[in-house]
Amino acid sequence: AGHILGSAFSLVTVKQAGRTCRILYTGDVGRFGKPILKDPTLEFDEQDREIDLLITESTYGDREHPPVEDLGASLKKVLLETFKRGGSVIIPSFAFGRTQEIIYVLHELYESGQVPKHPIYVDSPLASNLTTVFGEHPESYDKETHKTFLEKGLNPFYFDKIKFVASVEESMRLNRDETPHVVISASGMCEAGRILHHLRYKIHDPKNTILLVGYMAQHTLGRRIEEIGADIANGEGVSQKPPEVKILGKSYPLKAQVAKIGGFSAHGDKNELERIITGSNLNIKKIGIVHGETDQSKAFEQRLQAKGYDTFIPAPGDRVTF
């Protein structure tokens, strides 16, 4: 499914009373053309193409991501601007998948000399362990990763400027480090984990940047920071007292820069989700739309209905008979 290492579509085939019924569940669908992993599957075996019910996610059912090829340029811009101010870049990131993608792009930028080679710290024991797992499965990589790194004898996830932080003591020392660096830390939505400590030490300084690289659910600290950053970018509240956010029970002024790169999302956007349906060799009779905020699911349903698909959005407890 191209979402994270090992992700896959699930096909359930039921044979009963002389009839065969197939249910295909997408799970989380990845993007096309992203580095590291192979693209989502569009070619299904002949015996698996007739689908009675497709259950599809709709996380970004009404949104478009920036082009994948802009990821490196966007990250480069944030790094150059922050390092020029003498600041650090703090990246809240999911430990599985997102962290490895960021490391990959940073490795490309550092290897090509496009940005100053300040230290990069991965401050998440889980992310460190999962990065090791990624490194052990090159059979899942796409051709680009083989060409860019493996054929040159390089590991995409390990290079001289990256440091995997293990102990709490080392993490605490990093909190107080005021020299320019990059920190990638969990949790991705800023709800728990070591990222909270990096934020409370760095959020009050305008030379630093909080870089958001993924989806922030409603009512999370990550969404609050994202919304404040958007307001400032739109010129709202610029002359007023800096907005405050609460971290670990204490309020802090958000003076750091807030940047967002949407292209790092591991979820396909509305065009990529539709591509699974219209661009594959599947013949789909009915589509159930799940795993999305209400506005995203409804928008994706309308998009598919306009193309003639039989769709519905199930509510908890609904039954579907076919």
C-alpha atoms as a PDB file:
ATOM      1  CA  ALA A   1       0.000   0.000   0.000  1.00  0.00           C
ATOM      2  CA  GLY A   2       3.054   2.281   0.014  1.00  0.00           C
ATOM      3  CA  HIS A   3       2.143   3.903   3.339  1.00  0.00           C
ATOM      4  CA  ILE A   4       4.835   2.622   5.700  1.00  0.00           C
ATOM      5  CA  LEU A   5       7.243  -0.310   5.652  1.00  0.00           C
ATOM      6  CA  GLY A   6       5.180  -3.497   5.382  1.00  0.00           C
ATOM      7  CA  SER A   7       1.836  -1.785   4.740  1.00  0.00           C
ATOM      8  CA  ALA A   8      -0.532  -3.709   2.464  1.00  0.00           C
ATOM      9  CA  PHE A   9      -4.059  -3.935   1.132  1.00  0.00           C
ATOM     10  CA  SER A  10      -6.159  -6.677   2.743  1.00  0.00           C
ATOM     11  CA  LEU A  11      -8.311  -8.865   0.505  1.00  0.00           C
ATOM     12  CA  VAL A  12     -10.967 -11.108   2.057  1.00  0.00           C
ATOM     13  CA  THR A  13     -12.465 -13.743  -0.261  1.00  0.00           C
ATOM     14  CA  VAL A  14     -15.641 -15.460   0.937  1.00  0.00           C
ATOM     15  CA  LYS A  15     -17.063 -18.507  -0.865  1.00  0.00           C
ATOM     16  CA  GLN A  16     -20.603 -19.427   0.152  1.00  0.00           C
ATOM     17  CA  ALA A  17     -23.547 -21.186  -1.548  1.00  0.00           C
ATOM     18  CA  GLY A  18     -21.689 -21.385  -4.832  1.00  0.00           C
ATOM     19  CA  ARG A  19     -20.883 -17.668  -4.909  1.00  0.00           C
ATOM     20  CA  THR A  20     -17.597 -15.859  -4.334  1.00  0.00           C
ATOM     21  CA  CYS A  21     -17.544 -12.443  -2.636  1.00  0.00           C
ATOM     22  CA  ARG A  22     -14.488 -10.203  -2.312  1.00  0.00           C
ATOM     23  CA  ILE A  23     -13.901  -7.367   0.152  1.00  0.00           C
ATOM     24  CA  LEU A  24     -10.791  -5.225  -0.320  1.00  0.00           C
ATOM     25  CA  TYR A  25      -9.683  -2.935   2.515  1.00  0.00           C
ATOM     26  CA  THR A  26      -7.068  -0.350   1.610  1.00  0.00           C
ATOM     27  CA  GLY A  27      -5.916   0.442   5.118  1.00  0.00           C
ATOM     28  CA  ASP A  28      -3.724   3.552   4.965  1.00  0.00           C
ATOM     29  CA  VAL A  29      -2.743   4.357   1.375  1.00  0.00           C
ATOM     30  CA  GLY A  30       0.635   5.909   0.625  1.00  0.00           C
ATOM     31  CA  ARG A  31       1.739   8.432  -1.960  1.00  0.00           C
ATOM     32  CA  PHE A  32       3.084   7.906  -5.450  1.00  0.00           C
ATOM     33  CA  GLY A  33       6.662   8.851  -6.272  1.00  0.00           C
ATOM     34  CA  LYS A  34       7.893   9.271  -2.698  1.00  0.00           C
ATOM     35  CA  PRO A  35      11.394   8.127  -1.776  1.00  0.00           C
ATOM     36  CA  ILE A  36      12.230   4.826  -0.063  1.00  0.00           C
ATOM     37  CA  LEU A  37       9.104   2.673  -0.509  1.00  0.00           C
ATOM     38  CA  LYS A  38       7.507   1.285  -3.646  1.00  0.00           C
ATOM     39  CA  ASP A  39       4.323   2.982  -4.874  1.00  0.00           C
ATOM     40  CA  PRO A  40       0.860   1.638  -3.979  1.00  0.00           C
ATOM     41  CA  THR A  41      -0.178  -1.325  -6.100  1.00  0.00           C
ATOM     42  CA  LEU A  42      -2.383  -0.679  -9.133  1.00  0.00           C
ATOM     43  CA  GLU A  43      -1.999  -4.083 -10.817  1.00  0.00           C
ATOM     44  CA  PHE A  44      -3.949  -6.867  -9.116  1.00  0.00           C
ATOM     45  CA  ASP A  45      -3.951 -10.543 -10.071  1.00  0.00           C
ATOM     46  CA  GLU A  46      -6.736 -11.596 -12.412  1.00  0.00           C
ATOM     47  CA  GLN A  47      -8.553 -13.678  -9.789  1.00  0.00           C
ATOM     48  CA  ASP A  48      -8.629 -10.689  -7.393  1.00  0.00           C
ATOM     49  CA  ARG A  49      -9.989  -7.950  -9.659  1.00  0.00           C
ATOM     50  CA  GLU A  50     -13.748  -8.324  -9.102  1.00  0.00           C
ATOM     51  CA  ILE A  51     -14.409  -6.441  -5.849  1.00  0.00           C
ATOM     52  CA  ASP A  52     -17.877  -6.497  -4.274  1.00  0.00           C
ATOM     53  CA  LEU A  53     -16.946  -4.011  -1.557  1.00  0.00           C
ATOM     54  CA  LEU A  54     -13.959  -1.686  -1.373  1.00  0.00           C
ATOM     55  CA  ILE A  55     -13.367  -0.069   2.016  1.00  0.00           C
ATOM     56  CA  THR A  56     -11.113   2.959   1.537  1.00  0.00           C
ATOM     57  CA  GLU A  57      -9.515   5.503   3.824  1.00  0.00           C
ATOM     58  CA  SER A  58     -10.227   9.219   3.278  1.00  0.00           C
ATOM     59  CA  THR A  59      -7.749  11.090   5.487  1.00  0.00           C
ATOM     60  CA  TYR A  60      -7.120  13.625   2.709  1.00  0.00           C
ATOM     61  CA  GLY A  61     -10.323  13.101   0.751  1.00  0.00           C
ATOM     62  CA  ASP A  62     -10.571  16.802  -0.088  1.00  0.00           C
ATOM     63  CA  ARG A  63      -6.954  17.941  -0.088  1.00  0.00           C
ATOM     64  CA  GLU A  64      -4.014  18.020  -2.453  1.00  0.00           C
ATOM     65  CA  HIS A  65      -0.404  17.616  -1.374  1.00  0.00           C
ATOM     66  CA  PRO A  66       2.470  19.596  -2.870  1.00  0.00           C
ATOM     67  CA  PRO A  67       4.393  17.627  -5.510  1.00  0.00           C
ATOM     68  CA  VAL A  68       6.753  15.017  -4.059  1.00  0.00           C
ATOM     69  CA  GLU A  69       9.683  16.500  -5.937  1.00  0.00           C
ATOM     70  CA  ASP A  70       9.315  19.733  -3.917  1.00  0.00           C
ATOM     71  CA  LEU A  71      10.136  18.017  -0.605  1.00  0.00           C
ATOM     72  CA  GLY A  72      13.878  18.523  -0.810  1.00  0.00           C
ATOM     73  CA  ALA A  73      13.584  22.132  -1.949  1.00  0.00           C
ATOM     74  CA  SER A  74      11.064  22.949   0.784  1.00  0.00           C
ATOM     75  CA  LEU A  75      13.176  21.386   3.517  1.00  0.00           C
ATOM     76  CA  LYS A  76      16.294  23.090   2.184  1.00  0.00           C
ATOM     77  CA  LYS A  77      14.565  26.497   2.382  1.00  0.00           C
ATOM     78  CA  VAL A  78      13.556  25.975   6.024  1.00  0.00           C
ATOM     79  CA  LEU A  79      17.045  24.800   7.003  1.00  0.00           C
ATOM     80  CA  LEU A  80      18.860  27.666   5.269  1.00  0.00           C
ATOM     81  CA  GLU A  81      16.593  30.338   6.743  1.00  0.00           C
ATOM     82  CA  THR A  82      16.803  28.897  10.268  1.00  0.00           C
ATOM     83  CA  PHE A  83      20.564  28.302  10.234  1.00  0.00           C
ATOM     84  CA  LYS A  84      21.091  31.851   8.914  1.00  0.00           C
ATOM     85  CA  ARG A  85      19.312  33.130  12.048  1.00  0.00           C
ATOM     86  CA  GLY A  86      21.541  30.902  14.182  1.00  0.00           C
ATOM     87  CA  GLY A  87      18.563  28.787  15.197  1.00  0.00           C
ATOM     88  CA  SER A  88      17.581  25.138  15.349  1.00  0.00           C
ATOM     89  CA  VAL A  89      14.865  23.203  13.532  1.00  0.00           C
ATOM     90  CA  ILE A  90      12.542  21.146  15.756  1.00  0.00           C
ATOM     91  CA  ILE A  91      10.582  18.475  13.878  1.00  0.00           C
ATOM     92  CA  PRO A  92       7.769  16.571  15.617  1.00  0.00           C
ATOM     93  CA  SER A  93       7.598  13.313  13.725  1.00  0.00           C
ATOM     94  CA  PHE A  94       5.956   9.910  13.823  1.00  0.00           C
ATOM     95  CA  ALA A  95       8.564   7.323  14.755  1.00  0.00           C
ATOM     96  CA  PHE A  96       7.560   4.866  12.031  1.00  0.00           C
ATOM     97  CA  GLY A  97       7.865   5.990   8.417  1.00  0.00           C
ATOM     98  CA  ARG A  98       7.943   9.776   8.699  1.00  0.00           C
ATOM     99  CA  THR A  99      11.194   9.944  10.632  1.00  0.00           C
ATOM    100  CA  GLN A 100      12.930   7.708   8.095  1.00  0.00           C
ATOM    101  CA  GLU A 101      11.678   9.833   5.175  1.00  0.00           C
ATOM    102  CA  ILE A 102      13.012  13.005   6.781  1.00  0.00           C
ATOM    103  CA  ILE A 103      16.371  11.351   7.443  1.00  0.00           C
ATOM    104  CA  TYR A 104      16.474  10.252   3.801  1.00  0.00           C
ATOM    105  CA  VAL A 105      15.884  13.777   2.436  1.00  0.00           C
ATOM    106  CA  LEU A 106      18.309  15.319   4.941  1.00  0.00           C
ATOM    107  CA  HIS A 107      20.919  12.781   3.850  1.00  0.00           C
ATOM    108  CA  GLU A 108      20.407  13.835   0.223  1.00  0.00           C
ATOM    109  CA  LEU A 109      20.769  17.542   1.111  1.00  0.00           C
ATOM    110  CA  TYR A 110      23.862  16.963   3.236  1.00  0.00           C
ATOM    111  CA  GLU A 111      25.471  14.581   0.722  1.00  0.00           C
ATOM    112  CA  SER A 112      25.036  17.129  -2.088  1.00  0.00           C
ATOM    113  CA  GLY A 113      26.296  20.030   0.037  1.00  0.00           C
ATOM    114  CA  GLN A 114      23.139  22.110  -0.367  1.00  0.00           C
ATOM    115  CA  VAL A 115      22.877  23.070   3.319  1.00  0.00           C
ATOM    116  CA  PRO A 116      25.318  23.632   6.206  1.00  0.00           C
ATOM    117  CA  LYS A 117      26.058  20.310   7.868  1.00  0.00           C
ATOM    118  CA  HIS A 118      24.893  21.038  11.389  1.00  0.00           C
ATOM    119  CA  PRO A 119      24.229  18.042  13.658  1.00  0.00           C
ATOM    120  CA  ILE A 120      20.999  16.056  13.279  1.00  0.00           C
ATOM    121  CA  TYR A 121      19.572  14.329  16.343  1.00  0.00           C
ATOM    122  CA  VAL A 122      16.900  11.631  16.324  1.00  0.00           C
ATOM    123  CA  ASP A 123      15.593  11.841  19.882  1.00  0.00           C
ATOM    124  CA  SER A 124      13.171   8.935  20.088  1.00  0.00           C
ATOM    125  CA  PRO A 125      14.216   5.448  21.180  1.00  0.00           C
ATOM    126  CA  LEU A 126      11.353   3.941  19.174  1.00  0.00           C
ATOM    127  CA  ALA A 127      12.304   5.883  16.036  1.00  0.00           C
ATOM    128  CA  SER A 128      15.919   4.773  16.449  1.00  0.00           C
ATOM    129  CA  ASN A 129      14.904   1.114  16.687  1.00  0.00           C
ATOM    130  CA  LEU A 130      12.538   1.398  13.727  1.00  0.00           C
ATOM    131  CA  THR A 131      15.219   3.082  11.609  1.00  0.00           C
ATOM    132  CA  THR A 132      17.349  -0.018  12.175  1.00  0.00           C
ATOM    133  CA  VAL A 133      14.442  -2.136  10.910  1.00  0.00           C
ATOM    134  CA  PHE A 134      14.120   0.051   7.800  1.00  0.00           C
ATOM    135  CA  GLY A 135      17.819  -0.426   7.119  1.00  0.00           C
ATOM    136  CA  GLU A 136      17.384  -4.210   7.194  1.00  0.00           C
ATOM    137  CA  HIS A 137      14.747  -4.331   4.429  1.00  0.00           C
ATOM    138  CA  PRO A 138      16.176  -2.967   1.157  1.00  0.00           C
ATOM    139  CA  GLU A 139      13.866  -5.352  -0.763  1.00  0.00           C
ATOM    140  CA  SER A 140      11.046  -2.896   0.021  1.00  0.00           C
ATOM    141  CA  TYR A 141      12.875   0.138  -1.419  1.00  0.00           C
ATOM    142  CA  ASP A 142      12.031   1.738  -4.734  1.00  0.00           C
ATOM    143  CA  LYS A 143      14.445   2.059  -7.665  1.00  0.00           C
ATOM    144  CA  GLU A 144      15.351   5.648  -6.758  1.00  0.00           C
ATOM    145  CA  THR A 145      16.619   4.635  -3.325  1.00  0.00           C
ATOM    146  CA  HIS A 146      18.729   1.851  -4.812  1.00  0.00           C
ATOM    147  CA  LYS A 147      20.222   4.261  -7.341  1.00  0.00           C
ATOM    148  CA  THR A 148      20.778   7.181  -4.934  1.00  0.00           C
ATOM    149  CA  PHE A 149      22.262   5.248  -2.037  1.00  0.00           C
ATOM    150  CA  LEU A 150      22.575   1.462  -2.212  1.00  0.00           C
ATOM    151  CA  GLU A 151      24.431   1.304  -5.538  1.00  0.00           C
ATOM    152  CA  LYS A 152      26.983   3.735  -4.036  1.00  0.00           C
ATOM    153  CA  GLY A 153      27.429   1.590  -0.954  1.00  0.00           C
ATOM    154  CA  LEU A 154      25.604   4.077   1.270  1.00  0.00           C
ATOM    155  CA  ASN A 155      22.941   3.419   3.885  1.00  0.00           C
ATOM    156  CA  PRO A 156      20.082   5.935   3.412  1.00  0.00           C
ATOM    157  CA  PHE A 157      19.577   6.284   7.165  1.00  0.00           C
ATOM    158  CA  TYR A 158      23.086   6.548   8.576  1.00  0.00           C
ATOM    159  CA  PHE A 159      25.737   9.190   7.905  1.00  0.00           C
ATOM    160  CA  ASP A 160      28.327  11.105   9.879  1.00  0.00           C
ATOM    161  CA  LYS A 161      26.137  14.045  10.936  1.00  0.00           C
ATOM    162  CA  ILE A 162      23.277  12.018  12.399  1.00  0.00           C
ATOM    163  CA  LYS A 163      23.133  10.999  16.039  1.00  0.00           C
ATOM    164  CA  PHE A 164      20.547   8.706  17.617  1.00  0.00           C
ATOM    165  CA  VAL A 165      19.883   9.899  21.166  1.00  0.00           C
ATOM    166  CA  ALA A 166      19.395   7.056  23.609  1.00  0.00           C
ATOM    167  CA  SER A 167      19.437   8.165  27.243  1.00  0.00           C
ATOM    168  CA  VAL A 168      17.197  10.651  29.022  1.00  0.00           C
ATOM    169  CA  GLU A 169      20.305  12.485  30.259  1.00  0.00           C
ATOM    170  CA  GLU A 170      21.560  12.968  26.701  1.00  0.00           C
ATOM    171  CA  SER A 171      18.121  14.220  25.648  1.00  0.00           C
ATOM    172  CA  MET A 172      18.111  16.734  28.496  1.00  0.00           C
ATOM    173  CA  ARG A 173      21.522  18.050  27.481  1.00  0.00           C
ATOM    174  CA  LEU A 174      20.221  18.466  23.933  1.00  0.00           C
ATOM    175  CA  ASN A 175      17.266  20.516  25.246  1.00  0.00           C
ATOM    176  CA  ARG A 176      19.727  23.114  26.502  1.00  0.00           C
ATOM    177  CA  ASP A 177      21.947  23.119  23.401  1.00  0.00           C
ATOM    178  CA  GLU A 178      21.701  26.583  21.812  1.00  0.00           C
ATOM    179  CA  THR A 179      23.953  25.893  18.833  1.00  0.00           C
ATOM    180  CA  PRO A 180      22.249  25.311  15.433  1.00  0.00           C
ATOM    181  CA  HIS A 181      21.024  21.745  14.933  1.00  0.00           C
ATOM    182  CA  VAL A 182      18.071  19.638  13.790  1.00  0.00           C
ATOM    183  CA  VAL A 183      15.972  17.566  16.194  1.00  0.00           C
ATOM    184  CA  ILE A 184      13.542  14.901  15.012  1.00  0.00           C
ATOM    185  CA  SER A 185      11.471  13.659  17.918  1.00  0.00           C
ATOM    186  CA  ALA A 186       8.180  11.934  18.760  1.00  0.00           C
ATOM    187  CA  SER A 187       5.297  12.160  19.177  1.00  0.00           C
ATOM    188  CA  GLY A 188       4.265  13.387  15.752  1.00  0.00           C
ATOM    189  CA  MET A 189       1.243  15.360  17.024  1.00  0.00           C
ATOM    190  CA  CYS A 190       3.117  16.772  20.054  1.00  0.00           C
ATOM    191  CA  GLU A 191       0.882  15.010  22.553  1.00  0.00           C
ATOM    192  CA  ALA A 192       3.546  13.146  24.532  1.00  0.00           C
ATOM    193  CA  GLY A 193       7.177  12.094  24.502  1.00  0.00           C
ATOM    194  CA  ARG A 194      10.479  13.909  24.278  1.00  0.00           C
ATOM    195  CA  ILE A 195       9.273  16.414  21.667  1.00  0.00           C
ATOM    196  CA  LEU A 196       7.416  18.277  24.436  1.00  0.00           C
ATOM    197  CA  HIS A 197      10.680  19.052  26.220  1.00  0.00           C
ATOM    198  CA  HIS A 198      12.361  20.279  23.022  1.00  0.00           C
ATOM    199  CA  LEU A 199       9.383  22.526  22.357  1.00  0.00           C
ATOM    200  CA  ARG A 200       9.313  24.075  25.819  1.00  0.00           C
ATOM    201  CA  TYR A 201      13.029  24.913  25.581  1.00  0.00           C
ATOM    202  CA  LYS A 202      12.917  26.247  22.015  1.00  0.00           C
ATOM    203  CA  ILE A 203       9.403  27.621  21.402  1.00  0.00           C
ATOM    204  CA  HIS A 204      10.037  31.048  22.946  1.00  0.00           C
ATOM    205  CA  ASP A 205      12.995  31.961  20.681  1.00  0.00           C
ATOM    206  CA  PRO A 206      12.204  33.526  17.262  1.00  0.00           C
ATOM    207  CA  LYS A 207      15.445  32.263  15.742  1.00  0.00           C
ATOM    208  CA  ASN A 208      14.202  28.658  15.991  1.00  0.00           C
ATOM    209  CA  THR A 209      11.733  26.911  13.671  1.00  0.00           C
ATOM    210  CA  ILE A 210       9.070  24.345  14.525  1.00  0.00           C
ATOM    211  CA  LEU A 211       8.675  22.346  11.336  1.00  0.00           C
ATOM    212  CA  LEU A 212       5.427  20.420  10.952  1.00  0.00           C
ATOM    213  CA  VAL A 213       5.664  17.530   8.514  1.00  0.00           C
ATOM    214  CA  GLY A 214       2.442  15.608   8.970  1.00  0.00           C
ATOM    215  CA  TYR A 215      -1.207  15.487   9.844  1.00  0.00           C
ATOM    216  CA  MET A 216      -2.247  17.068  13.132  1.00  0.00           C
ATOM    217  CA  ALA A 217      -5.534  15.795  14.515  1.00  0.00           C
ATOM    218  CA  GLN A 218      -8.082  18.135  16.019  1.00  0.00           C
ATOM    219  CA  HIS A 219      -7.559  19.116  19.673  1.00  0.00           C
ATOM    220  CA  THR A 220      -3.855  18.207  19.711  1.00  0.00           C
ATOM    221  CA  LEU A 221      -0.970  20.506  20.597  1.00  0.00           C
ATOM    222  CA  GLY A 222       0.365  20.005  17.079  1.00  0.00           C
ATOM    223  CA  ARG A 223      -2.903  21.303  15.580  1.00  0.00           C
ATOM    224  CA  ARG A 224      -2.834  24.305  17.948  1.00  0.00           C
ATOM    225  CA  ILE A 225       0.699  25.204  16.831  1.00  0.00           C
ATOM    226  CA  GLU A 226      -0.294  24.676  13.193  1.00  0.00           C
ATOM    227  CA  GLU A 227      -3.311  26.983  13.520  1.00  0.00           C
ATOM    228  CA  ILE A 228      -1.312  29.719  15.254  1.00  0.00           C
ATOM    229  CA  GLY A 229       1.347  29.489  12.550  1.00  0.00           C
ATOM    230  CA  ALA A 230      -1.325  29.824   9.845  1.00  0.00           C
ATOM    231  CA  ASP A 231      -2.832  32.877  11.577  1.00  0.00           C
ATOM    232  CA  ILE A 232       0.559  34.577  11.766  1.00  0.00           C
ATOM    233  CA  ALA A 233       1.262  33.753   8.108  1.00  0.00           C
ATOM    234  CA  ASN A 234      -2.069  35.388   7.219  1.00  0.00           C
ATOM    235  CA  GLY A 235      -1.156  38.528   9.147  1.00  0.00           C
ATOM    236  CA  GLU A 236      -3.502  37.914  12.066  1.00  0.00           C
ATOM    237  CA  GLY A 237      -2.378  38.913  15.550  1.00  0.00           C
ATOM    238  CA  VAL A 238       1.098  39.962  14.395  1.00  0.00           C
ATOM    239  CA  SER A 239       1.209  43.185  16.446  1.00  0.00           C
ATOM    240  CA  GLN A 240      -0.376  41.639  19.509  1.00  0.00           C
ATOM    241  CA  LYS A 241       1.152  39.775  22.422  1.00  0.00           C
ATOM    242  CA  PRO A 242       2.617  36.428  21.266  1.00  0.00           C
ATOM    243  CA  PRO A 243       0.053  33.632  21.511  1.00  0.00           C
ATOM    244  CA  GLU A 244       0.674  31.054  24.190  1.00  0.00           C
ATOM    245  CA  VAL A 245       0.507  27.281  24.148  1.00  0.00           C
ATOM    246  CA  LYS A 246       0.373  24.966  27.125  1.00  0.00           C
ATOM    247  CA  ILE A 247       3.088  22.329  27.394  1.00  0.00           C
ATOM    248  CA  LEU A 248       3.240  19.947  30.340  1.00  0.00           C
ATOM    249  CA  GLY A 249       0.876  22.145  32.328  1.00  0.00           C
ATOM    250  CA  LYS A 250       2.718  25.432  31.782  1.00  0.00           C
ATOM    251  CA  SER A 251       2.076  28.206  29.239  1.00  0.00           C
ATOM    252  CA  TYR A 252       4.823  29.301  26.832  1.00  0.00           C
ATOM    253  CA  PRO A 253       4.831  32.166  24.295  1.00  0.00           C
ATOM    254  CA  LEU A 254       5.052  30.868  20.756  1.00  0.00           C
ATOM    255  CA  LYS A 255       7.755  33.116  19.299  1.00  0.00           C
ATOM    256  CA  ALA A 256       9.519  30.477  17.183  1.00  0.00           C
ATOM    257  CA  GLN A 257       8.798  30.367  13.470  1.00  0.00           C
ATOM    258  CA  VAL A 258       6.231  27.778  12.402  1.00  0.00           C
ATOM    259  CA  ALA A 259       6.698  26.114   9.020  1.00  0.00           C
ATOM    260  CA  LYS A 260       4.806  23.286   7.404  1.00  0.00           C
ATOM    261  CA  ILE A 261       5.711  20.899   4.591  1.00  0.00           C
ATOM    262  CA  GLY A 262       2.632  18.945   3.599  1.00  0.00           C
ATOM    263  CA  GLY A 263       4.323  16.748   1.048  1.00  0.00           C
ATOM    264  CA  PHE A 264       5.869  14.530   3.721  1.00  0.00           C
ATOM    265  CA  SER A 265       2.477  13.071   4.541  1.00  0.00           C
ATOM    266  CA  ALA A 266       2.415   9.286   4.331  1.00  0.00           C
ATOM    267  CA  HIS A 267      -1.241   9.394   3.261  1.00  0.00           C
ATOM    268  CA  GLY A 268      -2.249   9.827  -0.354  1.00  0.00           C
ATOM    269  CA  ASP A 269      -4.215  12.973  -1.187  1.00  0.00           C
ATOM    270  CA  LYS A 270      -7.590  13.030  -2.949  1.00  0.00           C
ATOM    271  CA  ASN A 271      -6.040  12.462  -6.371  1.00  0.00           C
ATOM    272  CA  GLU A 272      -3.900   9.562  -5.188  1.00  0.00           C
ATOM    273  CA  LEU A 273      -6.797   7.948  -3.318  1.00  0.00           C
ATOM    274  CA  GLU A 274      -8.900   8.216  -6.454  1.00  0.00           C
ATOM    275  CA  ARG A 275      -6.052   6.786  -8.515  1.00  0.00           C
ATOM    276  CA  ILE A 276      -6.267   3.534  -6.525  1.00  0.00           C
ATOM    277  CA  ILE A 277      -9.883   3.248  -7.685  1.00  0.00           C
ATOM    278  CA  THR A 278      -9.847   4.638 -11.215  1.00  0.00           C
ATOM    279  CA  GLY A 279      -6.246   3.901 -12.195  1.00  0.00           C
ATOM    280  CA  SER A 280      -6.066   0.283 -11.100  1.00  0.00           C
ATOM    281  CA  ASN A 281      -7.355  -2.809 -12.930  1.00  0.00           C
ATOM    282  CA  LEU A 282     -10.064  -3.398 -10.310  1.00  0.00           C
ATOM    283  CA  ASN A 283     -13.767  -3.663 -11.081  1.00  0.00           C
ATOM    284  CA  ILE A 284     -15.450  -2.238  -7.964  1.00  0.00           C
ATOM    285  CA  LYS A 285     -19.180  -2.602  -7.281  1.00  0.00           C
ATOM    286  CA  LYS A 286     -19.551  -0.685  -4.022  1.00  0.00           C
ATOM    287  CA  ILE A 287     -17.307   1.615  -1.961  1.00  0.00           C
ATOM    288  CA  GLY A 288     -17.377   2.259   1.794  1.00  0.00           C
ATOM    289  CA  ILE A 289     -15.507   5.406   2.842  1.00  0.00           C
ATOM    290  CA  VAL A 290     -13.892   5.398   6.304  1.00  0.00           C
ATOM    291  CA  HIS A 291     -10.910   6.767   8.267  1.00  0.00           C
ATOM    292  CA  GLY A 292     -11.355  10.497   7.741  1.00  0.00           C
ATOM    293  CA  GLU A 293     -12.778  13.578   9.395  1.00  0.00           C
ATOM    294  CA  THR A 294     -16.395  14.089   8.327  1.00  0.00           C
ATOM    295  CA  ASP A 295     -15.729  16.853   5.797  1.00  0.00           C
ATOM    296  CA  GLN A 296     -12.952  14.851   4.144  1.00  0.00           C
ATOM    297  CA  SER A 297     -15.024  11.658   3.841  1.00  0.00           C
ATOM    298  CA  LYS A 298     -18.063  13.502   2.468  1.00  0.00           C
ATOM    299  CA  ALA A 299     -16.018  15.406  -0.091  1.00  0.00           C
ATOM    300  CA  PHE A 300     -14.373  12.201  -1.310  1.00  0.00           C
ATOM    301  CA  GLU A 301     -17.761  10.488  -1.515  1.00  0.00           C
ATOM    302  CA  GLN A 302     -19.131  13.304  -3.692  1.00  0.00           C
ATOM    303  CA  ARG A 303     -16.040  13.117  -5.897  1.00  0.00           C
ATOM    304  CA  LEU A 304     -16.531   9.388  -6.479  1.00  0.00           C
ATOM    305  CA  GLN A 305     -20.292   9.651  -6.940  1.00  0.00           C
ATOM    306  CA  ALA A 306     -19.714  12.220  -9.670  1.00  0.00           C
ATOM    307  CA  LYS A 307     -17.734   9.545 -11.487  1.00  0.00           C
ATOM    308  CA  GLY A 308     -20.583   7.051 -11.187  1.00  0.00           C
ATOM    309  CA  TYR A 309     -19.438   4.966  -8.202  1.00  0.00           C
ATOM    310  CA  ASP A 310     -21.886   3.496  -5.667  1.00  0.00           C
ATOM    311  CA  THR A 311     -20.598   4.836  -2.330  1.00  0.00           C
ATOM    312  CA  PHE A 312     -21.579   5.191   1.306  1.00  0.00           C
ATOM    313  CA  ILE A 313     -20.078   6.414   4.571  1.00  0.00           C
ATOM    314  CA  PRO A 314     -20.815   3.880   7.327  1.00  0.00           C
ATOM    315  CA  ALA A 315     -21.630   4.971  10.864  1.00  0.00           C
ATOM    316  CA  PRO A 316     -20.834   2.847  13.923  1.00  0.00           C
ATOM    317  CA  GLY A 317     -23.254  -0.060  14.078  1.00  0.00           C
ATOM    318  CA  ASP A 318     -24.271   0.081  10.400  1.00  0.00           C
ATOM    319  CA  ARG A 319     -24.698  -3.237   8.586  1.00  0.00           C
ATOM    320  CA  VAL A 320     -23.954  -3.772   4.916  1.00  0.00           C
ATOM    321  CA  THR A 321     -25.471  -6.787   3.152  1.00  0.00           C
ATOM    322  CA  PHE A 322     -24.410  -7.998  -0.264  1.00  0.00           C
END
